Protein backbone atom coordinates (compact mmCIF):
# COMPACT_ATOMS: atom_id res chain seq x y z
CA MET A 1 -2.55 20.18 -5.64
CA PRO A 2 0.81 18.87 -6.82
CA VAL A 3 1.12 16.16 -9.43
CA ARG A 4 3.52 13.40 -8.36
CA LYS A 5 5.70 11.53 -10.80
CA ALA A 6 7.83 8.44 -10.97
CA GLU A 7 9.59 6.77 -13.86
CA ALA A 8 10.86 3.40 -14.92
CA VAL A 9 13.29 2.23 -17.58
CA TRP A 10 13.36 -1.41 -18.75
CA GLU A 11 16.15 -2.89 -20.88
CA GLY A 12 15.96 -6.27 -22.57
CA ASN A 13 13.42 -9.04 -22.76
CA LEU A 14 11.07 -10.02 -19.94
CA LYS A 15 13.00 -12.84 -18.27
CA GLU A 16 16.60 -11.66 -18.67
CA GLY A 17 15.97 -7.92 -18.77
CA LYS A 18 16.39 -5.44 -15.97
CA GLY A 19 15.10 -2.08 -14.98
CA ILE A 20 15.31 0.89 -12.67
CA MET A 21 12.38 2.64 -11.02
CA LYS A 22 12.73 6.01 -9.35
CA PHE A 23 10.64 8.64 -7.65
CA GLY A 24 10.52 12.12 -9.10
CA SER A 25 11.44 13.55 -5.69
CA GLY A 26 14.73 11.63 -5.72
CA ALA A 27 13.83 9.91 -2.44
CA TYR A 28 14.07 6.43 -3.97
CA GLU A 29 15.72 4.66 -6.89
CA GLY A 30 15.85 0.89 -7.16
CA ALA A 31 16.48 -1.98 -9.52
CA TYR A 32 13.83 -4.47 -10.55
CA SER A 33 13.77 -7.61 -12.63
CA PHE A 34 11.66 -10.62 -13.50
CA ALA A 35 13.25 -12.46 -10.56
CA SER A 36 12.49 -9.65 -8.08
CA ARG A 37 8.90 -9.48 -9.30
CA PHE A 38 7.95 -13.12 -9.70
CA GLY A 39 10.53 -14.83 -7.48
CA ASP A 40 12.87 -13.95 -4.68
CA GLY A 41 15.54 -12.09 -6.65
CA LYS A 42 17.22 -8.94 -5.37
CA GLY A 43 15.53 -5.65 -6.06
CA THR A 44 12.04 -4.27 -5.84
CA ASN A 45 8.89 -4.61 -7.93
CA PRO A 46 5.80 -2.60 -8.79
CA GLU A 47 3.65 -4.50 -6.28
CA GLU A 48 6.00 -3.65 -3.41
CA LEU A 49 5.82 0.02 -4.33
CA ILE A 50 2.02 -0.14 -4.57
CA GLY A 51 2.01 -1.75 -1.11
CA ALA A 52 4.20 1.01 0.33
CA ALA A 53 1.96 3.67 -1.19
CA HIS A 54 -1.19 1.98 0.11
CA ALA A 55 0.19 1.46 3.64
CA GLY A 56 1.42 5.05 3.82
CA CYS A 57 -1.82 6.50 2.51
CA PHE A 58 -3.97 4.34 4.78
CA SER A 59 -2.00 5.30 7.91
CA MET A 60 -2.26 9.02 7.13
CA ALA A 61 -5.94 8.77 6.21
CA LEU A 62 -6.77 6.80 9.37
CA SER A 63 -5.12 9.58 11.39
CA LEU A 64 -7.42 12.08 9.68
CA PHE A 65 -10.55 9.96 10.13
CA LEU A 66 -9.74 9.49 13.82
CA GLU A 67 -9.03 13.19 14.30
CA THR A 68 -12.31 14.10 12.61
CA ALA A 69 -14.08 11.74 15.03
CA GLY A 70 -12.42 13.47 18.01
CA PHE A 71 -9.47 11.15 18.68
CA THR A 72 -5.72 11.72 18.38
CA PRO A 73 -3.72 8.60 17.57
CA GLU A 74 -0.31 8.17 19.18
CA ARG A 75 0.89 5.70 16.54
CA ILE A 76 -0.48 3.89 13.50
CA ARG A 77 1.44 1.10 11.77
CA THR A 78 0.11 -0.43 8.56
CA THR A 79 1.45 -3.16 6.31
CA ALA A 80 0.09 -4.00 2.88
CA LYS A 81 0.50 -7.40 1.27
CA VAL A 82 -0.10 -7.16 -2.48
CA HIS A 83 -1.06 -10.43 -4.18
CA ILE A 84 -0.19 -10.90 -7.85
CA ASP A 85 -1.46 -14.07 -9.51
CA LYS A 86 -1.49 -15.69 -12.92
CA VAL A 87 -4.91 -15.04 -14.44
CA GLY A 88 -5.53 -16.39 -17.92
CA GLU A 89 -2.57 -15.58 -20.14
CA GLY A 90 -1.29 -12.78 -17.94
CA PHE A 91 -0.94 -11.58 -14.40
CA LYS A 92 -3.25 -9.56 -12.19
CA ILE A 93 -3.10 -7.93 -8.77
CA THR A 94 -5.92 -9.89 -7.17
CA ALA A 95 -5.98 -8.65 -3.57
CA ILE A 96 -4.35 -6.38 -1.03
CA ASP A 97 -4.32 -7.33 2.64
CA LEU A 98 -4.02 -4.27 4.85
CA GLU A 99 -3.06 -4.91 8.46
CA THR A 100 -3.10 -1.91 10.73
CA GLU A 101 -2.52 -1.49 14.40
CA ALA A 102 -2.95 1.74 16.28
CA LYS A 103 -2.66 3.19 19.73
CA VAL A 104 -5.48 5.69 20.15
CA PRO A 105 -6.20 7.02 23.65
CA GLY A 106 -9.86 7.25 24.63
CA ILE A 107 -11.38 5.25 21.78
CA ASP A 108 -13.23 1.95 22.14
CA GLU A 109 -12.74 -0.95 19.76
CA LYS A 110 -16.13 -0.58 18.05
CA GLU A 111 -15.47 3.07 17.15
CA PHE A 112 -11.90 2.29 16.08
CA LEU A 113 -13.07 -0.48 13.74
CA LYS A 114 -15.74 1.84 12.32
CA GLN A 115 -13.11 4.48 11.54
CA ALA A 116 -10.69 1.92 10.09
CA ASP A 117 -13.38 0.54 7.78
CA ALA A 118 -14.35 4.03 6.64
CA THR A 119 -10.67 4.74 5.97
CA LYS A 120 -10.36 1.60 3.84
CA LYS A 121 -13.05 3.03 1.57
CA GLY A 122 -11.95 6.66 1.77
CA CYS A 123 -8.16 6.53 1.45
CA PRO A 124 -7.16 7.95 -1.97
CA VAL A 125 -4.96 4.95 -2.82
CA SER A 126 -7.76 2.53 -1.88
CA GLN A 127 -10.03 4.46 -4.22
CA ALA A 128 -7.45 4.30 -7.00
CA LEU A 129 -7.23 0.52 -6.49
CA ALA A 130 -11.00 -0.01 -6.34
CA GLY A 131 -10.79 -2.83 -8.91
CA VAL A 132 -8.81 -4.95 -6.43
CA GLU A 133 -10.22 -6.75 -3.40
CA ILE A 134 -8.95 -4.89 -0.31
CA ARG A 135 -9.12 -6.81 2.95
CA LEU A 136 -8.53 -5.12 6.28
CA LYS A 137 -7.46 -6.42 9.67
CA ALA A 138 -7.45 -3.62 12.23
CA THR A 139 -6.13 -3.96 15.78
CA LEU A 140 -6.50 -1.40 18.54
CA LEU A 141 -3.50 -1.47 20.86
CA THR A 142 -3.88 -0.69 24.54
């Protein structure tokens, strides 16, 4: 299996400094700063990238779980809201709220929710983030 890589460069102190994060594939490069991480400044932040990774992984994994159960989804859309909070003297990612909605012909809501819950536990990014509370809201679209 391939090993994926990303890199970040930070210049300066915490509050006035700035940085660049980029994917090894070249698909993304973006600026980040204290203001973009802890306020509403322009740029991205590590939590946003974790959210994108988690939403992407969950959507793909749910497709697999559904397929394994005999269902073919037409569309899965997932958002991830990553919460970072002040804890003690530092900061901590305290929770991730996953919200997924899917159109899956032939499945009932009970089976869909079962597969979504199994995916929450089985998605590789969820497993990597096991130290964080992951909450899931799953909606089956008709």
